[in-house]
Amino acid sequence: MTISRKDRTILRELAVEVANIAALPIQQEKADMWRRLNRLEHGKPMVWINEIPWHEMGSEVQLRTSTEFCRTQERWLCHTLYQWKHMRCDMIVEPKVFCPLVFHDTGFGIKAQMINAEGDT
């Protein structure tokens, strides 16, 4: 798989933004607060917004890369940045990029049939 120079530049710029946010001291503070909450210690109630209708968002989450792999990475980076700018609450931004699993269908077994509702991606 080759990634075009344009796609690489776009992903790199977004990744730098996410890395800069992940390097902020508030990230460690929020992580400590989440750990305290998970240990059932007393503290501030934590808020995490993770159910977001991304398909209803406007042009701020428009993808610019060309391949499916790059679009998946760009989508994740853009979603992270959008959440941080508009609804960060107690979210933690980590300096990571997730890579999807690669698998190949051999054609053996039962074929899955999927039907998406109109408007779903």
PDB file of N, CA and C in Angstrom:
ATOM      1  N   MET A   1       0.849  -1.168   0.000  1.00  0.00           N
ATOM      2  CA  MET A   1       0.000   0.000   0.000  1.00  0.00           C
ATOM      3  C   MET A   1       0.899   1.237   0.000  1.00  0.00           C
ATOM      4  N   THR A   2       0.601   2.134  -0.898  1.00  0.00           N
ATOM      5  CA  THR A   2       1.339   3.393  -0.931  1.00  0.00           C
ATOM      6  C   THR A   2       0.410   4.523  -0.516  1.00  0.00           C
ATOM      7  N   ILE A   3       0.978   5.453   0.210  1.00  0.00           N
ATOM      8  CA  ILE A   3       0.215   6.615   0.664  1.00  0.00           C
ATOM      9  C   ILE A   3       0.766   7.827  -0.066  1.00  0.00           C
ATOM     10  N   SER A   4      -0.115   8.553  -0.721  1.00  0.00           N
ATOM     11  CA  SER A   4       0.329   9.705  -1.508  1.00  0.00           C
ATOM     12  C   SER A   4       0.932  10.778  -0.605  1.00  0.00           C
ATOM     13  N   ARG A   5       1.734  11.629  -1.201  1.00  0.00           N
ATOM     14  CA  ARG A   5       2.377  12.719  -0.459  1.00  0.00           C
ATOM     15  C   ARG A   5       1.314  13.637   0.168  1.00  0.00           C
ATOM     16  N   LYS A   6       0.254  13.912  -0.587  1.00  0.00           N
ATOM     17  CA  LYS A   6      -0.829  14.773  -0.090  1.00  0.00           C
ATOM     18  C   LYS A   6      -1.482  14.148   1.143  1.00  0.00           C
ATOM     19  N   ASP A   7      -1.825  12.858   1.053  1.00  0.00           N
ATOM     20  CA  ASP A   7      -2.455  12.169   2.188  1.00  0.00           C
ATOM     21  C   ASP A   7      -1.520  12.139   3.394  1.00  0.00           C
ATOM     22  N   ARG A   8      -0.248  11.875   3.141  1.00  0.00           N
ATOM     23  CA  ARG A   8       0.737  11.823   4.222  1.00  0.00           C
ATOM     24  C   ARG A   8       0.827  13.178   4.932  1.00  0.00           C
ATOM     25  N   THR A   9       0.819  14.249   4.155  1.00  0.00           N
ATOM     26  CA  THR A   9       0.891  15.600   4.729  1.00  0.00           C
ATOM     27  C   THR A   9      -0.338  15.896   5.577  1.00  0.00           C
ATOM     28  N   ILE A  10      -1.504  15.555   5.067  1.00  0.00           N
ATOM     29  CA  ILE A  10      -2.754  15.785   5.803  1.00  0.00           C
ATOM     30  C   ILE A  10      -2.740  15.019   7.119  1.00  0.00           C
ATOM     31  N   LEU A  11      -2.409  13.734   7.064  1.00  0.00           N
ATOM     32  CA  LEU A  11      -2.400  12.912   8.278  1.00  0.00           C
ATOM     33  C   LEU A  11      -1.347  13.389   9.268  1.00  0.00           C
ATOM     34  N   ARG A  12      -0.201  13.783   8.761  1.00  0.00           N
ATOM     35  CA  ARG A  12       0.872  14.264   9.637  1.00  0.00           C
ATOM     36  C   ARG A  12       0.443  15.531  10.378  1.00  0.00           C
ATOM     37  N   GLU A  13      -0.194  16.463   9.672  1.00  0.00           N
ATOM     38  CA  GLU A  13      -0.642  17.712  10.300  1.00  0.00           C
ATOM     39  C   GLU A  13      -1.669  17.428  11.397  1.00  0.00           C
ATOM     40  N   LEU A  14      -2.606  16.547  11.105  1.00  0.00           N
ATOM     41  CA  LEU A  14      -3.617  16.199  12.108  1.00  0.00           C
ATOM     42  C   LEU A  14      -2.987  15.481  13.295  1.00  0.00           C
ATOM     43  N   ALA A  15      -2.059  14.574  13.017  1.00  0.00           N
ATOM     44  CA  ALA A  15      -1.397  13.823  14.088  1.00  0.00           C
ATOM     45  C   ALA A  15      -0.580  14.747  14.986  1.00  0.00           C
ATOM     46  N   VAL A  16       0.044  15.760  14.410  1.00  0.00           N
ATOM     47  CA  VAL A  16       0.802  16.730  15.217  1.00  0.00           C
ATOM     48  C   VAL A  16      -0.143  17.478  16.151  1.00  0.00           C
ATOM     49  N   GLU A  17      -1.308  17.876  15.645  1.00  0.00           N
ATOM     50  CA  GLU A  17      -2.297  18.557  16.495  1.00  0.00           C
ATOM     51  C   GLU A  17      -2.721  17.665  17.660  1.00  0.00           C
ATOM     52  N   VAL A  18      -3.021  16.401  17.363  1.00  0.00           N
ATOM     53  CA  VAL A  18      -3.435  15.465  18.412  1.00  0.00           C
ATOM     54  C   VAL A  18      -2.293  15.249  19.401  1.00  0.00           C
ATOM     55  N   ALA A  19      -1.068  15.107  18.910  1.00  0.00           N
ATOM     56  CA  ALA A  19       0.085  14.902  19.793  1.00  0.00           C
ATOM     57  C   ALA A  19       0.300  16.105  20.704  1.00  0.00           C
ATOM     58  N   ASN A  20       0.107  17.309  20.180  1.00  0.00           N
ATOM     59  CA  ASN A  20       0.250  18.511  21.006  1.00  0.00           C
ATOM     60  C   ASN A  20      -0.788  18.549  22.121  1.00  0.00           C
ATOM     61  N   ILE A  21      -2.004  18.151  21.808  1.00  0.00           N
ATOM     62  CA  ILE A  21      -3.055  18.098  22.829  1.00  0.00           C
ATOM     63  C   ILE A  21      -2.730  17.014  23.848  1.00  0.00           C
ATOM     64  N   ALA A  22      -2.258  15.869  23.370  1.00  0.00           N
ATOM     65  CA  ALA A  22      -1.928  14.754  24.269  1.00  0.00           C
ATOM     66  C   ALA A  22      -0.789  15.110  25.217  1.00  0.00           C
ATOM     67  N   ALA A  23       0.065  16.048  24.831  1.00  0.00           N
ATOM     68  CA  ALA A  23       1.211  16.434  25.661  1.00  0.00           C
ATOM     69  C   ALA A  23       0.851  17.456  26.741  1.00  0.00           C
ATOM     70  N   LEU A  24      -0.363  17.959  26.731  1.00  0.00           N
ATOM     71  CA  LEU A  24      -0.762  18.952  27.734  1.00  0.00           C
ATOM     72  C   LEU A  24      -0.815  18.316  29.122  1.00  0.00           C
ATOM     73  N   PRO A  25      -0.424  19.048  30.165  1.00  0.00           N
ATOM     74  CA  PRO A  25      -0.450  18.514  31.534  1.00  0.00           C
ATOM     75  C   PRO A  25      -1.848  18.076  31.991  1.00  0.00           C
ATOM     76  N   ILE A  26      -2.882  18.683  31.439  1.00  0.00           N
ATOM     77  CA  ILE A  26      -4.256  18.339  31.844  1.00  0.00           C
ATOM     78  C   ILE A  26      -4.571  16.877  31.540  1.00  0.00           C
ATOM     79  N   GLN A  27      -3.904  16.291  30.544  1.00  0.00           N
ATOM     80  CA  GLN A  27      -4.173  14.893  30.188  1.00  0.00           C
ATOM     81  C   GLN A  27      -3.832  13.956  31.344  1.00  0.00           C
ATOM     82  N   GLN A  28      -2.694  14.185  31.987  1.00  0.00           N
ATOM     83  CA  GLN A  28      -2.299  13.351  33.127  1.00  0.00           C
ATOM     84  C   GLN A  28      -3.247  13.568  34.303  1.00  0.00           C
ATOM     85  N   GLU A  29      -3.650  14.825  34.513  1.00  0.00           N
ATOM     86  CA  GLU A  29      -4.591  15.124  35.598  1.00  0.00           C
ATOM     87  C   GLU A  29      -5.911  14.390  35.377  1.00  0.00           C
ATOM     88  N   LYS A  30      -6.422  14.446  34.155  1.00  0.00           N
ATOM     89  CA  LYS A  30      -7.691  13.761  33.845  1.00  0.00           C
ATOM     90  C   LYS A  30      -7.538  12.247  33.987  1.00  0.00           C
ATOM     91  N   ALA A  31      -6.408  11.705  33.549  1.00  0.00           N
ATOM     92  CA  ALA A  31      -6.176  10.261  33.676  1.00  0.00           C
ATOM     93  C   ALA A  31      -6.176   9.856  35.145  1.00  0.00           C
ATOM     94  N   ASP A  32      -5.540  10.664  35.995  1.00  0.00           N
ATOM     95  CA  ASP A  32      -5.536  10.378  37.437  1.00  0.00           C
ATOM     96  C   ASP A  32      -6.947  10.437  38.009  1.00  0.00           C
ATOM     97  N   MET A  33      -7.730  11.413  37.553  1.00  0.00           N
ATOM     98  CA  MET A  33      -9.113  11.532  38.030  1.00  0.00           C
ATOM     99  C   MET A  33      -9.935  10.311  37.621  1.00  0.00           C
ATOM    100  N   TRP A  34      -9.745   9.822  36.387  1.00  0.00           N
ATOM    101  CA  TRP A  34     -10.463   8.631  35.933  1.00  0.00           C
ATOM    102  C   TRP A  34     -10.042   7.402  36.736  1.00  0.00           C
ATOM    103  N   ARG A  35      -8.757   7.294  37.046  1.00  0.00           N
ATOM    104  CA  ARG A  35      -8.290   6.161  37.857  1.00  0.00           C
ATOM    105  C   ARG A  35      -8.930   6.188  39.243  1.00  0.00           C
ATOM    106  N   ARG A  36      -8.988   7.381  39.843  1.00  0.00           N
ATOM    107  CA  ARG A  36      -9.638   7.494  41.158  1.00  0.00           C
ATOM    108  C   ARG A  36     -11.106   7.074  41.068  1.00  0.00           C
ATOM    109  N   LEU A  37     -11.783   7.511  40.033  1.00  0.00           N
ATOM    110  CA  LEU A  37     -13.189   7.142  39.853  1.00  0.00           C
ATOM    111  C   LEU A  37     -13.325   5.629  39.701  1.00  0.00           C
ATOM    112  N   ASN A  38     -12.458   5.020  38.909  1.00  0.00           N
ATOM    113  CA  ASN A  38     -12.517   3.573  38.689  1.00  0.00           C
ATOM    114  C   ASN A  38     -12.182   2.775  39.941  1.00  0.00           C
ATOM    115  N   ARG A  39     -11.424   3.383  40.854  1.00  0.00           N
ATOM    116  CA  ARG A  39     -11.138   2.731  42.141  1.00  0.00           C
ATOM    117  C   ARG A  39     -12.246   3.012  43.157  1.00  0.00           C
ATOM    118  N   LEU A  40     -13.305   3.692  42.710  1.00  0.00           N
ATOM    119  CA  LEU A  40     -14.465   4.044  43.534  1.00  0.00           C
ATOM    120  C   LEU A  40     -14.097   4.969  44.687  1.00  0.00           C
ATOM    121  N   GLU A  41     -13.068   5.785  44.481  1.00  0.00           N
ATOM    122  CA  GLU A  41     -12.702   6.783  45.476  1.00  0.00           C
ATOM    123  C   GLU A  41     -13.566   8.023  45.266  1.00  0.00           C
ATOM    124  N   HIS A  42     -13.720   8.798  46.316  1.00  0.00           N
ATOM    125  CA  HIS A  42     -14.522  10.018  46.222  1.00  0.00           C
ATOM    126  C   HIS A  42     -13.810  11.041  45.357  1.00  0.00           C
ATOM    127  N   GLY A  43     -14.589  11.761  44.617  1.00  0.00           N
ATOM    128  CA  GLY A  43     -14.031  12.797  43.755  1.00  0.00           C
ATOM    129  C   GLY A  43     -15.116  13.389  42.884  1.00  0.00           C
ATOM    130  N   LYS A  44     -14.705  14.245  42.018  1.00  0.00           N
ATOM    131  CA  LYS A  44     -15.626  14.925  41.110  1.00  0.00           C
ATOM    132  C   LYS A  44     -16.254  13.906  40.152  1.00  0.00           C
ATOM    133  N   PRO A  45     -17.548  14.055  39.873  1.00  0.00           N
ATOM    134  CA  PRO A  45     -18.161  13.187  38.859  1.00  0.00           C
ATOM    135  C   PRO A  45     -17.514  13.473  37.499  1.00  0.00           C
ATOM    136  N   MET A  46     -17.225  12.433  36.758  1.00  0.00           N
ATOM    137  CA  MET A  46     -16.553  12.589  35.469  1.00  0.00           C
ATOM    138  C   MET A  46     -17.579  12.510  34.337  1.00  0.00           C
ATOM    139  N   VAL A  47     -17.330  13.271  33.289  1.00  0.00           N
ATOM    140  CA  VAL A  47     -18.230  13.309  32.138  1.00  0.00           C
ATOM    141  C   VAL A  47     -17.436  12.940  30.892  1.00  0.00           C
ATOM    142  N   TRP A  48     -17.952  11.980  30.145  1.00  0.00           N
ATOM    143  CA  TRP A  48     -17.312  11.543  28.907  1.00  0.00           C
ATOM    144  C   TRP A  48     -18.392  11.429  27.842  1.00  0.00           C
ATOM    145  N   ILE A  49     -18.275  12.194  26.788  1.00  0.00           N
ATOM    146  CA  ILE A  49     -19.243  12.150  25.686  1.00  0.00           C
ATOM    147  C   ILE A  49     -18.646  11.274  24.592  1.00  0.00           C
ATOM    148  N   ASN A  50     -19.262  10.127  24.356  1.00  0.00           N
ATOM    149  CA  ASN A  50     -18.715   9.237  23.331  1.00  0.00           C
ATOM    150  C   ASN A  50     -19.747   8.777  22.304  1.00  0.00           C
ATOM    151  N   GLU A  51     -20.977   9.123  22.490  1.00  0.00           N
ATOM    152  CA  GLU A  51     -22.009   8.765  21.504  1.00  0.00           C
ATOM    153  C   GLU A  51     -22.340  10.015  20.700  1.00  0.00           C
ATOM    154  N   ILE A  52     -21.693  10.167  19.569  1.00  0.00           N
ATOM    155  CA  ILE A  52     -21.820  11.382  18.779  1.00  0.00           C
ATOM    156  C   ILE A  52     -22.294  11.007  17.375  1.00  0.00           C
ATOM    157  N   PRO A  53     -23.340  11.657  16.872  1.00  0.00           N
ATOM    158  CA  PRO A  53     -23.825  11.357  15.516  1.00  0.00           C
ATOM    159  C   PRO A  53     -22.930  12.031  14.468  1.00  0.00           C
ATOM    160  N   TRP A  54     -21.783  11.422  14.199  1.00  0.00           N
ATOM    161  CA  TRP A  54     -20.800  12.052  13.316  1.00  0.00           C
ATOM    162  C   TRP A  54     -21.355  12.327  11.928  1.00  0.00           C
ATOM    163  N   HIS A  55     -22.238  11.468  11.453  1.00  0.00           N
ATOM    164  CA  HIS A  55     -22.777  11.661  10.102  1.00  0.00           C
ATOM    165  C   HIS A  55     -23.648  12.913  10.002  1.00  0.00           C
ATOM    166  N   GLU A  56     -24.018  13.502  11.153  1.00  0.00           N
ATOM    167  CA  GLU A  56     -24.820  14.718  11.147  1.00  0.00           C
ATOM    168  C   GLU A  56     -23.969  15.979  11.283  1.00  0.00           C
ATOM    169  N   MET A  57     -22.667  15.809  11.422  1.00  0.00           N
ATOM    170  CA  MET A  57     -21.782  16.963  11.599  1.00  0.00           C
ATOM    171  C   MET A  57     -21.590  17.681  10.268  1.00  0.00           C
ATOM    172  N   GLY A  58     -21.226  18.931  10.362  1.00  0.00           N
ATOM    173  CA  GLY A  58     -21.049  19.758   9.174  1.00  0.00           C
ATOM    174  C   GLY A  58     -19.683  19.611   8.541  1.00  0.00           C
ATOM    175  N   SER A  59     -19.248  20.658   7.902  1.00  0.00           N
ATOM    176  CA  SER A  59     -18.026  20.630   7.096  1.00  0.00           C
ATOM    177  C   SER A  59     -16.750  20.532   7.920  1.00  0.00           C
ATOM    178  N   GLU A  60     -16.819  20.715   9.235  1.00  0.00           N
ATOM    179  CA  GLU A  60     -15.608  20.653  10.049  1.00  0.00           C
ATOM    180  C   GLU A  60     -15.005  19.251  10.082  1.00  0.00           C
ATOM    181  N   VAL A  61     -15.793  18.234   9.756  1.00  0.00           N
ATOM    182  CA  VAL A  61     -15.295  16.858   9.774  1.00  0.00           C
ATOM    183  C   VAL A  61     -15.269  16.288   8.345  1.00  0.00           C
ATOM    184  N   GLN A  62     -15.068  17.134   7.346  1.00  0.00           N
ATOM    185  CA  GLN A  62     -14.967  16.669   5.962  1.00  0.00           C
ATOM    186  C   GLN A  62     -13.596  16.036   5.737  1.00  0.00           C
ATOM    187  N   LEU A  63     -13.579  14.867   5.130  1.00  0.00           N
ATOM    188  CA  LEU A  63     -12.321  14.152   4.896  1.00  0.00           C
ATOM    189  C   LEU A  63     -11.683  14.600   3.583  1.00  0.00           C
ATOM    190  N   ARG A  64     -10.354  14.707   3.578  1.00  0.00           N
ATOM    191  CA  ARG A  64      -9.623  15.192   2.407  1.00  0.00           C
ATOM    192  C   ARG A  64      -8.693  14.155   1.806  1.00  0.00           C
ATOM    193  N   THR A  65      -8.466  13.031   2.494  1.00  0.00           N
ATOM    194  CA  THR A  65      -7.549  12.016   1.971  1.00  0.00           C
ATOM    195  C   THR A  65      -8.242  11.158   0.917  1.00  0.00           C
ATOM    196  N   SER A  66      -7.453  10.363   0.190  1.00  0.00           N
ATOM    197  CA  SER A  66      -8.015   9.667  -0.972  1.00  0.00           C
ATOM    198  C   SER A  66      -8.236   8.170  -0.791  1.00  0.00           C
ATOM    199  N   THR A  67      -7.439   7.481   0.028  1.00  0.00           N
ATOM    200  CA  THR A  67      -7.608   6.033   0.166  1.00  0.00           C
ATOM    201  C   THR A  67      -8.424   5.699   1.411  1.00  0.00           C
ATOM    202  N   GLU A  68      -8.998   4.527   1.416  1.00  0.00           N
ATOM    203  CA  GLU A  68      -9.846   4.115   2.541  1.00  0.00           C
ATOM    204  C   GLU A  68      -9.053   4.050   3.843  1.00  0.00           C
ATOM    205  N   PHE A  69      -7.842   3.514   3.792  1.00  0.00           N
ATOM    206  CA  PHE A  69      -7.014   3.442   4.999  1.00  0.00           C
ATOM    207  C   PHE A  69      -6.745   4.841   5.546  1.00  0.00           C
ATOM    208  N   CYS A  70      -6.346   5.755   4.672  1.00  0.00           N
ATOM    209  CA  CYS A  70      -6.047   7.123   5.105  1.00  0.00           C
ATOM    210  C   CYS A  70      -7.298   7.823   5.618  1.00  0.00           C
ATOM    211  N   ARG A  71      -8.425   7.566   4.978  1.00  0.00           N
ATOM    212  CA  ARG A  71      -9.676   8.191   5.423  1.00  0.00           C
ATOM    213  C   ARG A  71     -10.065   7.691   6.814  1.00  0.00           C
ATOM    214  N   THR A  72      -9.809   6.421   7.100  1.00  0.00           N
ATOM    215  CA  THR A  72     -10.097   5.877   8.430  1.00  0.00           C
ATOM    216  C   THR A  72      -9.239   6.578   9.474  1.00  0.00           C
ATOM    217  N   GLN A  73      -7.958   6.734   9.185  1.00  0.00           N
ATOM    218  CA  GLN A  73      -7.060   7.419  10.117  1.00  0.00           C
ATOM    219  C   GLN A  73      -7.444   8.887  10.262  1.00  0.00           C
ATOM    220  N   GLU A  74      -7.732   9.534   9.145  1.00  0.00           N
ATOM    221  CA  GLU A  74      -8.112  10.948   9.170  1.00  0.00           C
ATOM    222  C   GLU A  74      -9.403  11.142   9.954  1.00  0.00           C
ATOM    223  N   ARG A  75     -10.354  10.244   9.760  1.00  0.00           N
ATOM    224  CA  ARG A  75     -11.634  10.339  10.473  1.00  0.00           C
ATOM    225  C   ARG A  75     -11.408  10.292  11.982  1.00  0.00           C
ATOM    226  N   TRP A  76     -10.588   9.346  12.439  1.00  0.00           N
ATOM    227  CA  TRP A  76     -10.326   9.224  13.873  1.00  0.00           C
ATOM    228  C   TRP A  76      -9.643  10.486  14.406  1.00  0.00           C
ATOM    229  N   LEU A  77      -8.645  10.983  13.685  1.00  0.00           N
ATOM    230  CA  LEU A  77      -7.934  12.189  14.115  1.00  0.00           C
ATOM    231  C   LEU A  77      -8.869  13.398  14.139  1.00  0.00           C
ATOM    232  N   CYS A  78      -9.681  13.558  13.097  1.00  0.00           N
ATOM    233  CA  CYS A  78     -10.624  14.687  13.034  1.00  0.00           C
ATOM    234  C   CYS A  78     -11.663  14.606  14.144  1.00  0.00           C
ATOM    235  N   HIS A  79     -12.159  13.413  14.416  1.00  0.00           N
ATOM    236  CA  HIS A  79     -13.139  13.255  15.493  1.00  0.00           C
ATOM    237  C   HIS A  79     -12.525  13.637  16.834  1.00  0.00           C
ATOM    238  N   THR A  80     -11.301  13.202  17.068  1.00  0.00           N
ATOM    239  CA  THR A  80     -10.618  13.536  18.319  1.00  0.00           C
ATOM    240  C   THR A  80     -10.457  15.043  18.448  1.00  0.00           C
ATOM    241  N   LEU A  81     -10.022  15.693  17.387  1.00  0.00           N
ATOM    242  CA  LEU A  81      -9.827  17.143  17.418  1.00  0.00           C
ATOM    243  C   LEU A  81     -11.152  17.883  17.585  1.00  0.00           C
ATOM    244  N   TYR A  82     -12.194  17.422  16.910  1.00  0.00           N
ATOM    245  CA  TYR A  82     -13.507  18.060  17.032  1.00  0.00           C
ATOM    246  C   TYR A  82     -14.011  17.967  18.471  1.00  0.00           C
ATOM    247  N   GLN A  83     -13.901  16.779  19.051  1.00  0.00           N
ATOM    248  CA  GLN A  83     -14.338  16.608  20.438  1.00  0.00           C
ATOM    249  C   GLN A  83     -13.550  17.518  21.367  1.00  0.00           C
ATOM    250  N   TRP A  84     -12.250  17.600  21.169  1.00  0.00           N
ATOM    251  CA  TRP A  84     -11.420  18.426  22.038  1.00  0.00           C
ATOM    252  C   TRP A  84     -11.817  19.901  21.929  1.00  0.00           C
ATOM    253  N   LYS A  85     -12.122  20.350  20.721  1.00  0.00           N
ATOM    254  CA  LYS A  85     -12.462  21.761  20.520  1.00  0.00           C
ATOM    255  C   LYS A  85     -13.858  22.106  21.026  1.00  0.00           C
ATOM    256  N   HIS A  86     -14.804  21.174  20.898  1.00  0.00           N
ATOM    257  CA  HIS A  86     -16.202  21.523  21.140  1.00  0.00           C
ATOM    258  C   HIS A  86     -16.857  20.854  22.342  1.00  0.00           C
ATOM    259  N   MET A  87     -16.369  19.715  22.778  1.00  0.00           N
ATOM    260  CA  MET A  87     -17.038  19.005  23.881  1.00  0.00           C
ATOM    261  C   MET A  87     -16.058  18.138  24.643  1.00  0.00           C
ATOM    262  N   ARG A  88     -15.007  18.740  25.137  1.00  0.00           N
ATOM    263  CA  ARG A  88     -13.941  17.938  25.747  1.00  0.00           C
ATOM    264  C   ARG A  88     -14.335  17.319  27.071  1.00  0.00           C
ATOM    265  N   CYS A  89     -15.169  17.977  27.866  1.00  0.00           N
ATOM    266  CA  CYS A  89     -15.566  17.443  29.175  1.00  0.00           C
ATOM    267  C   CYS A  89     -14.337  16.901  29.903  1.00  0.00           C
ATOM    268  N   ASP A  90     -14.335  15.618  30.218  1.00  0.00           N
ATOM    269  CA  ASP A  90     -13.214  14.998  30.925  1.00  0.00           C
ATOM    270  C   ASP A  90     -12.492  13.990  30.038  1.00  0.00           C
ATOM    271  N   MET A  91     -12.487  14.232  28.741  1.00  0.00           N
ATOM    272  CA  MET A  91     -11.846  13.289  27.820  1.00  0.00           C
ATOM    273  C   MET A  91     -10.331  13.324  27.965  1.00  0.00           C
ATOM    274  N   ILE A  92      -9.720  12.215  27.642  1.00  0.00           N
ATOM    275  CA  ILE A  92      -8.264  12.107  27.633  1.00  0.00           C
ATOM    276  C   ILE A  92      -7.841  11.873  26.188  1.00  0.00           C
ATOM    277  N   VAL A  93      -6.880  12.656  25.736  1.00  0.00           N
ATOM    278  CA  VAL A  93      -6.319  12.461  24.399  1.00  0.00           C
ATOM    279  C   VAL A  93      -4.953  11.820  24.587  1.00  0.00           C
ATOM    280  N   GLU A  94      -4.788  10.644  24.010  1.00  0.00           N
ATOM    281  CA  GLU A  94      -3.528   9.913  24.141  1.00  0.00           C
ATOM    282  C   GLU A  94      -2.683  10.090  22.881  1.00  0.00           C
ATOM    283  N   PRO A  95      -1.359  10.025  23.025  1.00  0.00           N
ATOM    284  CA  PRO A  95      -0.483  10.172  21.858  1.00  0.00           C
ATOM    285  C   PRO A  95      -0.375   8.861  21.078  1.00  0.00           C
ATOM    286  N   LYS A  96      -1.491   8.413  20.544  1.00  0.00           N
ATOM    287  CA  LYS A  96      -1.544   7.130  19.835  1.00  0.00           C
ATOM    288  C   LYS A  96      -2.316   7.286  18.536  1.00  0.00           C
ATOM    289  N   VAL A  97      -1.983   6.453  17.592  1.00  0.00           N
ATOM    290  CA  VAL A  97      -2.771   6.324  16.371  1.00  0.00           C
ATOM    291  C   VAL A  97      -3.130   4.856  16.274  1.00  0.00           C
ATOM    292  N   PHE A  98      -4.403   4.577  16.106  1.00  0.00           N
ATOM    293  CA  PHE A  98      -4.858   3.195  16.064  1.00  0.00           C
ATOM    294  C   PHE A  98      -4.825   2.679  14.632  1.00  0.00           C
ATOM    295  N   CYS A  99      -4.393   1.461  14.489  1.00  0.00           N
ATOM    296  CA  CYS A  99      -4.290   0.832  13.178  1.00  0.00           C
ATOM    297  C   CYS A  99      -5.279  -0.334  13.125  1.00  0.00           C
ATOM    298  N   PRO A 100      -6.182  -0.330  12.152  1.00  0.00           N
ATOM    299  CA  PRO A 100      -7.167  -1.405  12.084  1.00  0.00           C
ATOM    300  C   PRO A 100      -6.522  -2.746  11.736  1.00  0.00           C
ATOM    301  N   LEU A 101      -7.164  -3.812  12.169  1.00  0.00           N
ATOM    302  CA  LEU A 101      -6.699  -5.152  11.826  1.00  0.00           C
ATOM    303  C   LEU A 101      -6.897  -5.402  10.339  1.00  0.00           C
ATOM    304  N   VAL A 102      -6.017  -6.168   9.771  1.00  0.00           N
ATOM    305  CA  VAL A 102      -6.135  -6.546   8.365  1.00  0.00           C
ATOM    306  C   VAL A 102      -6.494  -8.024   8.323  1.00  0.00           C
ATOM    307  N   PHE A 103      -7.545  -8.346   7.610  1.00  0.00           N
ATOM    308  CA  PHE A 103      -7.915  -9.746   7.455  1.00  0.00           C
ATOM    309  C   PHE A 103      -8.444  -9.952   6.047  1.00  0.00           C
ATOM    310  N   HIS A 104      -8.362 -11.170   5.605  1.00  0.00           N
ATOM    311  CA  HIS A 104      -8.810 -11.507   4.259  1.00  0.00           C
ATOM    312  C   HIS A 104      -9.841 -12.625   4.347  1.00  0.00           C
ATOM    313  N   ASP A 105     -10.898 -12.487   3.581  1.00  0.00           N
ATOM    314  CA  ASP A 105     -11.950 -13.490   3.538  1.00  0.00           C
ATOM    315  C   ASP A 105     -11.555 -14.564   2.528  1.00  0.00           C
ATOM    316  N   THR A 106     -11.496 -15.794   3.003  1.00  0.00           N
ATOM    317  CA  THR A 106     -11.146 -16.901   2.109  1.00  0.00           C
ATOM    318  C   THR A 106     -12.349 -17.383   1.313  1.00  0.00           C
ATOM    319  N   GLY A 107     -13.545 -16.929   1.706  1.00  0.00           N
ATOM    320  CA  GLY A 107     -14.747 -17.378   1.030  1.00  0.00           C
ATOM    321  C   GLY A 107     -15.331 -18.636   1.643  1.00  0.00           C
ATOM    322  N   PHE A 108     -14.642 -19.218   2.627  1.00  0.00           N
ATOM    323  CA  PHE A 108     -15.111 -20.430   3.280  1.00  0.00           C
ATOM    324  C   PHE A 108     -16.122 -20.054   4.364  1.00  0.00           C
ATOM    325  N   GLY A 109     -17.205 -20.781   4.441  1.00  0.00           N
ATOM    326  CA  GLY A 109     -18.187 -20.549   5.497  1.00  0.00           C
ATOM    327  C   GLY A 109     -19.383 -19.748   5.015  1.00  0.00           C
ATOM    328  N   ILE A 110     -20.148 -19.262   5.965  1.00  0.00           N
ATOM    329  CA  ILE A 110     -21.378 -18.530   5.670  1.00  0.00           C
ATOM    330  C   ILE A 110     -21.028 -17.088   5.332  1.00  0.00           C
ATOM    331  N   LYS A 111     -21.621 -16.589   4.266  1.00  0.00           N
ATOM    332  CA  LYS A 111     -21.385 -15.199   3.871  1.00  0.00           C
ATOM    333  C   LYS A 111     -22.321 -14.284   4.658  1.00  0.00           C
ATOM    334  N   ALA A 112     -21.773 -13.195   5.157  1.00  0.00           N
ATOM    335  CA  ALA A 112     -22.567 -12.203   5.879  1.00  0.00           C
ATOM    336  C   ALA A 112     -23.212 -11.262   4.879  1.00  0.00           C
ATOM    337  N   GLN A 113     -24.482 -10.971   5.094  1.00  0.00           N
ATOM    338  CA  GLN A 113     -25.180 -10.003   4.260  1.00  0.00           C
ATOM    339  C   GLN A 113     -25.519  -8.815   5.139  1.00  0.00           C
ATOM    340  N   MET A 114     -25.103  -7.629   4.712  1.00  0.00           N
ATOM    341  CA  MET A 114     -25.369  -6.430   5.485  1.00  0.00           C
ATOM    342  C   MET A 114     -26.146  -5.453   4.627  1.00  0.00           C
ATOM    343  N   ILE A 115     -27.141  -4.844   5.232  1.00  0.00           N
ATOM    344  CA  ILE A 115     -27.917  -3.820   4.554  1.00  0.00           C
ATOM    345  C   ILE A 115     -27.876  -2.584   5.435  1.00  0.00           C
ATOM    346  N   ASN A 116     -27.313  -1.508   4.914  1.00  0.00           N
ATOM    347  CA  ASN A 116     -27.244  -0.260   5.668  1.00  0.00           C
ATOM    348  C   ASN A 116     -28.502   0.553   5.435  1.00  0.00           C
ATOM    349  N   ALA A 117     -28.981   1.178   6.501  1.00  0.00           N
ATOM    350  CA  ALA A 117     -30.105   2.087   6.358  1.00  0.00           C
ATOM    351  C   ALA A 117     -29.630   3.302   5.575  1.00  0.00           C
ATOM    352  N   GLU A 118     -30.523   3.929   4.848  1.00  0.00           N
ATOM    353  CA  GLU A 118     -30.149   5.089   4.058  1.00  0.00           C
ATOM    354  C   GLU A 118     -29.568   6.169   4.967  1.00  0.00           C
ATOM    355  N   GLY A 119     -28.432   6.701   4.588  1.00  0.00           N
ATOM    356  CA  GLY A 119     -27.777   7.739   5.384  1.00  0.00           C
ATOM    357  C   GLY A 119     -26.694   7.205   6.291  1.00  0.00           C
ATOM    358  N   ASP A 120     -26.719   5.906   6.607  1.00  0.00           N
ATOM    359  CA  ASP A 120     -25.663   5.320   7.434  1.00  0.00           C
ATOM    360  C   ASP A 120     -24.447   5.054   6.570  1.00  0.00           C
ATOM    361  N   THR A 121     -23.280   5.109   7.207  1.00  0.00           N
ATOM    362  CA  THR A 121     -22.052   4.806   6.463  1.00  0.00           C
ATOM    363  C   THR A 121     -21.394   3.586   7.026  1.00  0.00           C
TER     364      THR A 121
END
